[in-house]
Amino acid sequence: MTFEQEIQELLAGGEAEALLQALGGEPTVSVRLNRTRPLMTALTGDAPAERVPWCDCGYYLDRRPAFTLDPSWHAGAYYVQDASSMFIAHVIRSVAPHTPLCYLDLCAAPGGKTTAAIDALPAGSLTVANEVMPARALALCDNVTKWGNPRTVVTNAQPREFARRLPAAFDIVAVDAPCSGEGMMRKDTQAVEQWSPALVRQCATLQRDILTHAWQALKPGGLLIYSTCTFNREENECQLEFIAGELSGEPVAVDTEPAWNIAGGIDTQLPCYRFMPHRTRGEGLFMAVMRKPQGTAGARLKPAKPAKQRDTAALSWLAEPDGVQLATINDIQCALPRDTAPTMLGVMGAVRTLQAGTPLLDTSLPKRQPHAALAYSTLLRHDAFARVAVDRDTALQYLRGEALTLPDAPRGDVLITHGGMPLGFARNLGSRANNLYPKPWRIRTTHT
């Protein structure tokens, strides 16, 4: 069977042709603004951008600019995300309780849905963002870092480790499952080339394994948010039927507006939400919510023992130093908000953790210098470092890792800013400034 034949079997004739035609068109471009950063209009000019209907901080762009050359993108002012995927924020606001929650994004890279969830969750919530693949986990860590929320933990673990070591620990578990990628075909030629019925079956098997482990990590009464970027029933509605039948999951409906033109499920009575490119302005997406029945109480996390602290001077860089607890991960001293620190330490003690809270400094370095992640954190005290505002050209020089000359800046560690937003640190020596922007983040293109 070909992909076209699959779509013809899935949808009625006219609907199938409309979808296939849409998949041959141009993909949309959209961004989601970071609520903790100043509102930027440079992307859209003076004319107001069209807002994504189901996301109050999502906007469509009429063109795809060179995001790599926009300093505000590097500062975490916005995330480039498909409009359909922004639906996760609406889902969380619609179905989640209004008290602080413990949220696990089990398949989180590269971080679009994770950062959307961070903004949508009730204040004080903890987000654990996990990715199995090491390289993708590092990219996830970078994106979560630049979003700036300190109540986050980034992990690199298999789903079964959460089921075994953190059973019934999370109020919400999101599974944005690895899938056959049919919904991304107009954006990703590899999705077209690799598609086959065998791939669909392989993905469906993997998804059931992940869902089974995710269910075990979910508290009784907790919510599982399942999503894919594909169209077929085997990876979508059939997985909901598996959760309902084999795991006793209870379906949860999400309120939507008819004007959004979101399609329902195919051959199922379970509430689910299909974004189809010929109906909605975005790529293909499937999403649904299931509740775990009430039962025994959730597990009690065993906190990891915080490492001995060798340097508390970095606390002076924080707006509320008494509101954090220090912990060390691989020589990186981190500040954990006290209200979520016990749970964060519990996660850190159970699964491989790449980053937690706000990194402050690398204790292995001979001289104390602020960690790059501190520049973006909402914990940073505004006047902790002298701020040096630079123009766009100088900002791009900095982001390329080039040495700067800062004649009007004081000596010592300074914070480079552009458009009112921090880009990172530099150590001003007077005649020149050492660029402290991390090498993996640096811009490699020389175009301006």
Protein backbone atom coordinates (compact mmCIF):
# COMPACT_ATOMS: atom_id res chain seq x y z
CA MET A 1 0.00 0.00 0.00
CA THR A 2 1.17 3.53 -0.80
CA PHE A 3 0.67 6.55 1.44
CA GLU A 4 -1.85 7.97 -1.05
CA GLN A 5 -3.86 4.74 -0.91
CA GLU A 6 -3.80 4.85 2.89
CA ILE A 7 -5.25 8.36 2.88
CA GLN A 8 -7.92 7.34 0.36
CA GLU A 9 -9.00 4.52 2.68
CA LEU A 10 -8.86 6.76 5.75
CA LEU A 11 -10.95 9.66 4.44
CA ALA A 12 -13.91 10.08 2.09
CA GLY A 13 -12.96 10.87 -1.50
CA GLY A 14 -13.16 14.66 -1.54
CA GLU A 15 -11.58 14.96 1.89
CA ALA A 16 -8.71 12.68 0.90
CA GLU A 17 -7.95 14.65 -2.25
CA ALA A 18 -8.02 17.93 -0.34
CA LEU A 19 -5.54 16.61 2.23
CA LEU A 20 -3.16 15.23 -0.39
CA GLN A 21 -3.28 18.53 -2.26
CA ALA A 22 -2.56 20.46 0.93
CA LEU A 23 0.44 18.25 1.64
CA GLY A 24 1.90 19.37 -1.67
CA GLY A 25 1.67 23.05 -0.72
CA GLU A 26 3.90 25.36 1.25
CA PRO A 27 4.13 24.85 5.03
CA THR A 28 3.09 27.64 7.35
CA VAL A 29 5.54 29.55 9.56
CA SER A 30 4.62 30.37 13.14
CA VAL A 31 6.28 31.35 16.41
CA ARG A 32 5.27 31.28 20.05
CA LEU A 33 6.41 34.13 22.27
CA ASN A 34 8.09 33.64 25.64
CA ARG A 35 5.89 35.23 28.29
CA THR A 36 8.92 36.21 30.40
CA ARG A 37 10.58 38.22 27.63
CA PRO A 38 9.68 41.63 26.14
CA LEU A 39 7.20 41.46 23.27
CA MET A 40 9.21 41.61 20.03
CA THR A 41 7.78 43.05 16.81
CA ALA A 42 10.90 42.78 14.66
CA LEU A 43 9.65 39.57 13.07
CA THR A 44 6.35 40.98 11.88
CA GLY A 45 7.12 44.64 11.27
CA ASP A 46 4.59 47.34 12.08
CA ALA A 47 1.57 45.34 10.90
CA PRO A 48 0.01 43.13 13.59
CA ALA A 49 0.70 39.45 13.02
CA GLU A 50 -2.18 36.98 12.77
CA ARG A 51 -2.60 35.13 16.05
CA VAL A 52 -2.89 31.36 16.22
CA PRO A 53 -6.53 30.86 17.34
CA TRP A 54 -5.86 28.23 20.03
CA CYS A 55 -2.71 29.87 21.46
CA ASP A 56 -2.75 33.44 22.77
CA CYS A 57 1.02 33.86 22.37
CA GLY A 58 1.31 32.08 18.99
CA TYR A 59 1.57 34.05 15.75
CA TYR A 60 1.71 33.22 12.06
CA LEU A 61 4.42 34.86 9.95
CA ASP A 62 3.95 35.70 6.28
CA ARG A 63 7.50 34.56 5.50
CA ARG A 64 10.30 32.51 7.05
CA PRO A 65 13.05 34.89 8.17
CA ALA A 66 16.63 33.85 8.93
CA PHE A 67 16.00 32.99 12.57
CA THR A 68 19.68 32.16 13.09
CA LEU A 69 20.51 35.81 12.46
CA ASP A 70 17.96 37.17 14.92
CA PRO A 71 19.55 37.84 18.34
CA SER A 72 16.12 37.76 20.02
CA TRP A 73 15.69 34.12 18.97
CA HIS A 74 19.00 33.25 20.63
CA ALA A 75 17.83 35.15 23.73
CA GLY A 76 14.80 32.87 24.04
CA ALA A 77 12.27 35.56 23.13
CA TYR A 78 10.27 33.09 21.06
CA TYR A 79 10.21 29.50 19.88
CA VAL A 80 9.73 28.59 16.22
CA GLN A 81 6.92 26.06 16.43
CA ASP A 82 4.24 24.71 14.14
CA ALA A 83 0.86 26.22 15.03
CA SER A 84 -0.83 22.82 15.40
CA SER A 85 1.66 21.78 18.09
CA MET A 86 0.76 24.87 20.13
CA PHE A 87 -2.56 23.16 20.91
CA ILE A 88 -0.80 21.47 23.85
CA ALA A 89 -0.99 24.75 25.80
CA HIS A 90 -4.76 24.98 25.29
CA VAL A 91 -5.18 21.34 26.33
CA ILE A 92 -3.24 21.82 29.56
CA ARG A 93 -5.15 24.97 30.50
CA SER A 94 -8.45 23.21 29.74
CA VAL A 95 -7.99 19.98 31.68
CA ALA A 96 -5.31 20.52 34.34
CA PRO A 97 -6.11 21.43 37.95
CA HIS A 98 -5.24 24.96 39.04
CA THR A 99 -2.72 23.94 41.70
CA PRO A 100 1.03 23.33 41.18
CA LEU A 101 1.62 20.06 39.36
CA CYS A 102 4.42 17.67 38.55
CA TYR A 103 4.54 17.32 34.75
CA LEU A 104 6.58 14.78 32.78
CA ASP A 105 7.21 15.25 29.06
CA LEU A 106 8.46 11.78 28.26
CA CYS A 107 9.50 12.33 24.61
CA ALA A 108 10.37 16.00 24.83
CA ALA A 109 13.05 16.90 22.25
CA PRO A 110 13.55 19.38 20.75
CA GLY A 111 11.44 21.21 23.34
CA GLY A 112 8.58 23.00 21.57
CA LYS A 113 5.76 21.30 23.44
CA THR A 114 7.82 21.35 26.65
CA THR A 115 8.26 25.12 26.64
CA ALA A 116 4.58 25.55 25.73
CA ALA A 117 3.66 23.36 28.69
CA ILE A 118 5.92 25.36 31.02
CA ASP A 119 3.94 28.49 30.18
CA ALA A 120 0.55 26.77 30.42
CA LEU A 121 0.97 24.91 33.71
CA PRO A 122 -0.20 26.50 36.97
CA ALA A 123 2.35 28.74 38.69
CA GLY A 124 4.78 26.77 40.84
CA SER A 125 4.58 23.60 38.74
CA LEU A 126 7.61 21.42 38.04
CA THR A 127 8.39 20.25 34.51
CA VAL A 128 10.55 17.18 33.85
CA ALA A 129 11.63 17.08 30.20
CA ASN A 130 13.03 13.74 29.06
CA GLU A 131 14.64 12.57 25.84
CA VAL A 132 16.05 9.11 25.13
CA MET A 133 18.50 10.03 22.34
CA PRO A 134 21.62 11.71 23.82
CA ALA A 135 22.18 14.23 20.99
CA ARG A 136 18.52 15.25 20.98
CA ALA A 137 18.59 15.47 24.78
CA LEU A 138 21.37 18.08 24.56
CA ALA A 139 19.30 20.15 22.10
CA LEU A 140 16.33 19.84 24.47
CA CYS A 141 18.51 21.05 27.34
CA ASP A 142 19.59 24.12 25.35
CA ASN A 143 16.01 25.08 24.44
CA VAL A 144 14.70 24.59 27.97
CA THR A 145 17.66 26.63 29.30
CA LYS A 146 16.87 29.59 27.07
CA TRP A 147 13.21 29.53 28.09
CA GLY A 148 14.44 30.54 31.53
CA ASN A 149 12.13 28.70 33.95
CA PRO A 150 14.03 27.37 37.01
CA ARG A 151 11.41 24.74 37.93
CA THR A 152 12.64 22.34 35.26
CA VAL A 153 14.66 19.13 35.15
CA VAL A 154 16.09 17.74 31.89
CA THR A 155 16.70 13.99 31.86
CA ASN A 156 18.10 11.41 29.46
CA ALA A 157 16.43 8.10 30.35
CA GLN A 158 14.36 5.29 28.91
CA PRO A 159 10.59 5.37 29.60
CA ARG A 160 10.86 2.09 31.51
CA GLU A 161 13.19 3.80 34.01
CA PHE A 162 10.44 6.24 34.95
CA ALA A 163 7.99 3.36 35.34
CA ARG A 164 10.38 1.37 37.53
CA ARG A 165 12.04 4.13 39.57
CA LEU A 166 9.36 6.83 39.65
CA PRO A 167 6.06 4.93 39.69
CA ALA A 168 2.89 7.00 40.13
CA ALA A 169 4.98 10.16 40.60
CA PHE A 170 3.50 12.58 38.05
CA ASP A 171 0.21 14.48 37.83
CA ILE A 172 0.44 14.75 34.04
CA VAL A 173 2.52 12.69 31.62
CA ALA A 174 2.78 13.87 28.02
CA VAL A 175 3.74 11.37 25.33
CA ASP A 176 4.50 13.08 22.03
CA ALA A 177 5.25 9.70 20.56
CA PRO A 178 7.80 8.81 17.88
CA CYS A 179 5.66 8.20 14.80
CA SER A 180 5.67 7.67 11.05
CA GLY A 181 5.56 11.44 10.53
CA GLU A 182 2.83 11.59 7.88
CA GLY A 183 1.68 14.98 9.17
CA MET A 184 5.09 16.53 8.51
CA MET A 185 5.50 15.42 4.91
CA ARG A 186 5.32 18.88 3.38
CA LYS A 187 8.04 20.11 5.76
CA ASP A 188 10.25 17.03 5.83
CA THR A 189 11.21 15.17 2.65
CA GLN A 190 12.72 12.38 4.77
CA ALA A 191 9.24 11.62 6.13
CA VAL A 192 8.09 11.00 2.55
CA GLU A 193 11.08 8.84 1.65
CA GLN A 194 10.99 6.62 4.74
CA TRP A 195 7.21 5.99 4.87
CA SER A 196 5.96 2.41 4.55
CA PRO A 197 3.24 0.25 6.12
CA ALA A 198 6.02 -1.58 7.98
CA LEU A 199 7.17 1.72 9.53
CA VAL A 200 3.62 2.42 10.71
CA ARG A 201 3.44 -0.99 12.39
CA GLN A 202 6.89 -0.54 13.94
CA CYS A 203 5.95 2.88 15.34
CA ALA A 204 2.66 1.56 16.74
CA THR A 205 4.47 -1.20 18.62
CA LEU A 206 6.97 1.27 20.09
CA GLN A 207 4.16 3.66 21.05
CA ARG A 208 2.33 0.98 23.05
CA ASP A 209 5.51 0.18 24.92
CA ILE A 210 6.05 3.86 25.77
CA LEU A 211 2.41 4.33 26.76
CA THR A 212 2.53 1.35 29.10
CA HIS A 213 5.56 2.80 30.91
CA ALA A 214 4.08 6.31 30.90
CA TRP A 215 0.89 4.96 32.51
CA GLN A 216 2.93 3.42 35.33
CA ALA A 217 4.66 6.76 36.00
CA LEU A 218 1.28 8.54 36.21
CA LYS A 219 -0.46 9.14 39.53
CA PRO A 220 -3.94 7.64 40.02
CA GLY A 221 -6.35 10.33 38.84
CA GLY A 222 -3.60 11.87 36.71
CA LEU A 223 -3.81 12.81 33.05
CA LEU A 224 -1.98 11.36 30.07
CA ILE A 225 -1.71 13.62 27.00
CA TYR A 226 -0.99 11.57 23.89
CA SER A 227 0.01 13.09 20.56
CA THR A 228 1.54 12.19 17.22
CA CYS A 229 2.21 14.03 13.96
CA THR A 230 0.68 11.35 11.77
CA PHE A 231 -2.71 10.54 10.22
CA ASN A 232 -3.30 6.77 10.30
CA ARG A 233 -5.64 5.19 12.87
CA GLU A 234 -3.14 2.53 13.97
CA GLU A 235 -0.92 5.14 15.62
CA ASN A 236 -3.78 7.33 16.81
CA GLU A 237 -7.30 6.11 17.61
CA CYS A 238 -6.14 2.51 18.02
CA GLN A 239 -3.70 3.63 20.71
CA LEU A 240 -6.51 5.38 22.60
CA GLU A 241 -8.54 2.17 22.42
CA PHE A 242 -5.54 0.33 23.85
CA ILE A 243 -5.33 2.80 26.76
CA ALA A 244 -9.07 2.57 27.39
CA GLY A 245 -9.28 -1.22 27.05
CA GLU A 246 -5.98 -2.56 28.38
CA LEU A 247 -5.08 0.21 30.84
CA SER A 248 -8.65 1.21 31.90
CA GLY A 249 -8.06 4.82 30.88
CA GLU A 250 -10.96 7.24 31.02
CA PRO A 251 -11.37 9.67 28.08
CA VAL A 252 -11.25 13.40 28.81
CA ALA A 253 -12.83 15.91 26.43
CA VAL A 254 -11.23 19.27 25.62
CA ASP A 255 -13.33 22.33 24.82
CA THR A 256 -12.64 23.75 21.35
CA GLU A 257 -14.20 26.40 19.13
CA PRO A 258 -16.00 25.33 15.93
CA ALA A 259 -14.20 28.13 14.08
CA TRP A 260 -10.88 26.38 14.72
CA ASN A 261 -12.02 23.65 12.30
CA ILE A 262 -10.32 20.85 14.24
CA ALA A 263 -11.49 17.41 13.10
CA GLY A 264 -12.64 14.66 15.44
CA GLY A 265 -11.55 11.05 15.59
CA ILE A 266 -12.09 8.51 12.83
CA ASP A 267 -14.26 5.46 13.61
CA THR A 268 -14.16 6.02 17.36
CA GLN A 269 -16.38 7.40 20.09
CA LEU A 270 -13.38 8.53 22.14
CA PRO A 271 -12.76 12.30 22.12
CA CYS A 272 -9.65 13.20 20.14
CA TYR A 273 -8.46 16.09 18.01
CA ARG A 274 -7.05 15.94 14.50
CA PHE A 275 -5.32 18.89 12.85
CA MET A 276 -5.52 18.36 9.11
CA PRO A 277 -3.56 20.75 6.83
CA HIS A 278 -6.49 21.20 4.46
CA ARG A 279 -8.72 22.29 7.36
CA THR A 280 -6.39 24.06 9.80
CA ARG A 281 -3.43 26.34 9.20
CA GLY A 282 -0.58 24.11 10.36
CA GLU A 283 0.85 20.64 9.96
CA GLY A 284 -0.78 17.31 10.78
CA LEU A 285 -1.30 16.57 14.48
CA PHE A 286 -3.32 14.15 16.60
CA MET A 287 -3.91 14.76 20.32
CA ALA A 288 -6.07 13.25 23.05
CA VAL A 289 -6.29 13.12 26.85
CA MET A 290 -6.91 10.05 29.05
CA ARG A 291 -7.30 9.92 32.83
CA LYS A 292 -5.88 7.16 35.03
CA PRO A 293 -8.54 5.80 37.39
CA GLN A 294 -8.26 6.60 41.08
CA GLY A 295 -6.59 3.91 43.14
CA THR A 296 -3.66 3.54 45.49
CA ALA A 297 -1.68 6.60 46.51
CA GLY A 298 1.22 7.78 44.38
CA ALA A 299 4.80 6.87 45.17
CA ARG A 300 6.87 8.88 47.57
CA LEU A 301 10.06 10.13 45.96
CA LYS A 302 13.35 9.53 47.70
CA PRO A 303 15.38 12.71 47.32
CA ALA A 304 18.98 12.48 46.24
CA LYS A 305 21.41 13.81 48.80
CA PRO A 306 22.61 17.28 47.77
CA ALA A 307 26.36 17.35 47.28
CA LYS A 308 28.50 19.31 49.67
CA GLN A 309 28.57 22.93 48.65
CA ARG A 310 31.98 24.38 48.00
CA ASP A 311 30.89 27.85 46.94
CA THR A 312 27.85 29.80 48.12
CA ALA A 313 29.02 33.17 46.79
CA ALA A 314 26.99 32.61 43.60
CA LEU A 315 23.80 33.01 45.63
CA SER A 316 24.44 36.76 45.54
CA TRP A 317 23.59 36.64 41.84
CA LEU A 318 19.98 35.63 42.58
CA ALA A 319 17.01 37.88 43.27
CA GLU A 320 15.82 35.69 46.17
CA PRO A 321 18.77 33.62 47.42
CA ASP A 322 16.81 32.32 50.43
CA GLY A 323 14.23 30.80 48.07
CA VAL A 324 16.59 28.22 46.56
CA GLN A 325 18.48 25.10 47.57
CA LEU A 326 21.88 24.36 46.04
CA ALA A 327 22.68 21.06 44.34
CA THR A 328 25.53 19.88 42.13
CA ILE A 329 25.27 17.88 38.90
CA ASN A 330 28.55 16.86 37.25
CA ASP A 331 30.44 19.76 38.86
CA ILE A 332 27.72 22.25 37.86
CA GLN A 333 26.27 24.03 40.86
CA CYS A 334 22.54 24.60 40.40
CA ALA A 335 19.87 26.57 42.24
CA LEU A 336 16.64 24.65 42.83
CA PRO A 337 13.53 26.59 43.95
CA ARG A 338 12.81 25.41 47.50
CA ASP A 339 9.14 24.62 46.85
CA THR A 340 10.00 22.05 44.17
CA ALA A 341 13.51 21.07 45.34
CA PRO A 342 12.47 17.82 47.12
CA THR A 343 10.76 16.50 43.99
CA MET A 344 13.60 17.68 41.75
CA LEU A 345 16.12 15.88 43.95
CA GLY A 346 13.90 12.78 43.84
CA VAL A 347 14.00 12.79 40.04
CA MET A 348 17.75 13.45 40.06
CA GLY A 349 18.28 10.45 42.33
CA ALA A 350 16.20 8.15 40.13
CA VAL A 351 17.17 8.80 36.49
CA ARG A 352 20.08 10.28 34.55
CA THR A 353 19.80 14.05 34.83
CA LEU A 354 21.46 16.54 32.51
CA GLN A 355 20.30 19.74 34.16
CA ALA A 356 18.10 20.85 37.03
CA GLY A 357 16.95 24.28 38.12
CA THR A 358 19.24 27.17 37.22
CA PRO A 359 22.95 26.35 36.71
CA LEU A 360 25.06 28.95 38.51
CA LEU A 361 28.69 28.00 37.92
CA ASP A 362 31.09 25.21 37.02
CA THR A 363 32.90 24.29 40.22
CA SER A 364 35.70 22.54 38.27
CA LEU A 365 36.95 25.83 36.78
CA PRO A 366 39.87 27.53 38.52
CA LYS A 367 38.12 30.92 38.51
CA ARG A 368 34.52 31.60 39.43
CA GLN A 369 32.44 32.68 36.45
CA PRO A 370 28.67 32.63 35.93
CA HIS A 371 27.25 29.69 34.02
CA ALA A 372 25.83 30.60 30.60
CA ALA A 373 22.36 29.37 31.61
CA LEU A 374 22.11 31.94 34.40
CA ALA A 375 21.78 34.73 31.84
CA TYR A 376 18.31 33.49 30.82
CA SER A 377 16.91 32.47 34.19
CA THR A 378 14.11 34.35 35.88
CA LEU A 379 16.06 33.83 39.12
CA LEU A 380 18.83 36.21 38.03
CA ARG A 381 18.93 39.46 40.00
CA HIS A 382 18.61 42.31 37.52
CA ASP A 383 21.61 44.23 38.85
CA ALA A 384 23.80 41.23 39.66
CA PHE A 385 26.05 42.08 36.69
CA ALA A 386 26.72 45.24 34.76
CA ARG A 387 24.55 45.11 31.63
CA VAL A 388 26.09 46.11 28.33
CA ALA A 389 23.57 46.86 25.58
CA VAL A 390 24.87 46.17 22.06
CA ASP A 391 23.51 46.73 18.56
CA ARG A 392 22.56 43.92 16.20
CA ASP A 393 25.95 43.68 14.47
CA THR A 394 27.79 43.48 17.77
CA ALA A 395 25.25 40.98 19.06
CA LEU A 396 25.93 38.72 16.07
CA GLN A 397 29.67 39.08 16.67
CA TYR A 398 29.10 37.95 20.24
CA LEU A 399 26.88 35.04 19.16
CA ARG A 400 29.63 33.89 16.77
CA GLY A 401 32.05 33.72 19.69
CA GLU A 402 34.20 36.61 18.51
CA ALA A 403 36.16 38.83 20.91
CA LEU A 404 34.53 42.17 21.69
CA THR A 405 35.78 45.58 22.72
CA LEU A 406 33.64 47.17 25.42
CA PRO A 407 35.34 50.49 26.19
CA ASP A 408 32.51 51.92 28.31
CA ALA A 409 31.88 48.78 30.36
CA PRO A 410 33.39 48.09 33.80
CA ARG A 411 36.02 45.41 34.15
CA GLY A 412 34.97 41.94 35.19
CA ASP A 413 32.02 39.76 34.26
CA VAL A 414 29.33 41.67 32.37
CA LEU A 415 26.01 40.65 30.81
CA ILE A 416 25.65 41.32 27.07
CA THR A 417 22.11 42.37 26.12
CA HIS A 418 20.24 43.23 22.94
CA GLY A 419 16.76 44.68 22.80
CA GLY A 420 16.58 44.54 26.58
CA MET A 421 17.20 40.77 26.65
CA PRO A 422 20.32 38.99 27.92
CA LEU A 423 22.41 37.08 25.38
CA GLY A 424 25.15 35.85 27.72
CA PHE A 425 28.27 36.78 29.65
CA ALA A 426 31.65 38.26 28.77
CA ARG A 427 34.69 39.03 30.90
CA ASN A 428 35.80 42.56 30.20
CA LEU A 429 39.58 43.02 30.57
CA GLY A 430 39.67 46.65 29.45
CA SER A 431 41.48 46.45 26.11
CA ARG A 432 39.28 43.53 25.07
CA ALA A 433 36.57 41.22 26.43
CA ASN A 434 36.72 37.45 26.61
CA ASN A 435 33.63 35.96 25.01
CA LEU A 436 31.99 33.44 27.39
CA TYR A 437 29.20 32.38 25.02
CA PRO A 438 29.25 28.53 24.87
CA LYS A 439 30.88 27.04 21.79
CA PRO A 440 28.02 24.61 21.00
CA TRP A 441 25.58 27.55 20.79
CA ARG A 442 27.66 29.75 18.51
CA ILE A 443 26.48 30.87 15.07
CA ARG A 444 28.62 29.30 12.36
CA THR A 445 27.40 31.22 9.33
CA THR A 446 29.22 34.41 8.37
CA HIS A 447 26.19 35.88 6.59
CA THR A 448 24.55 38.94 8.13
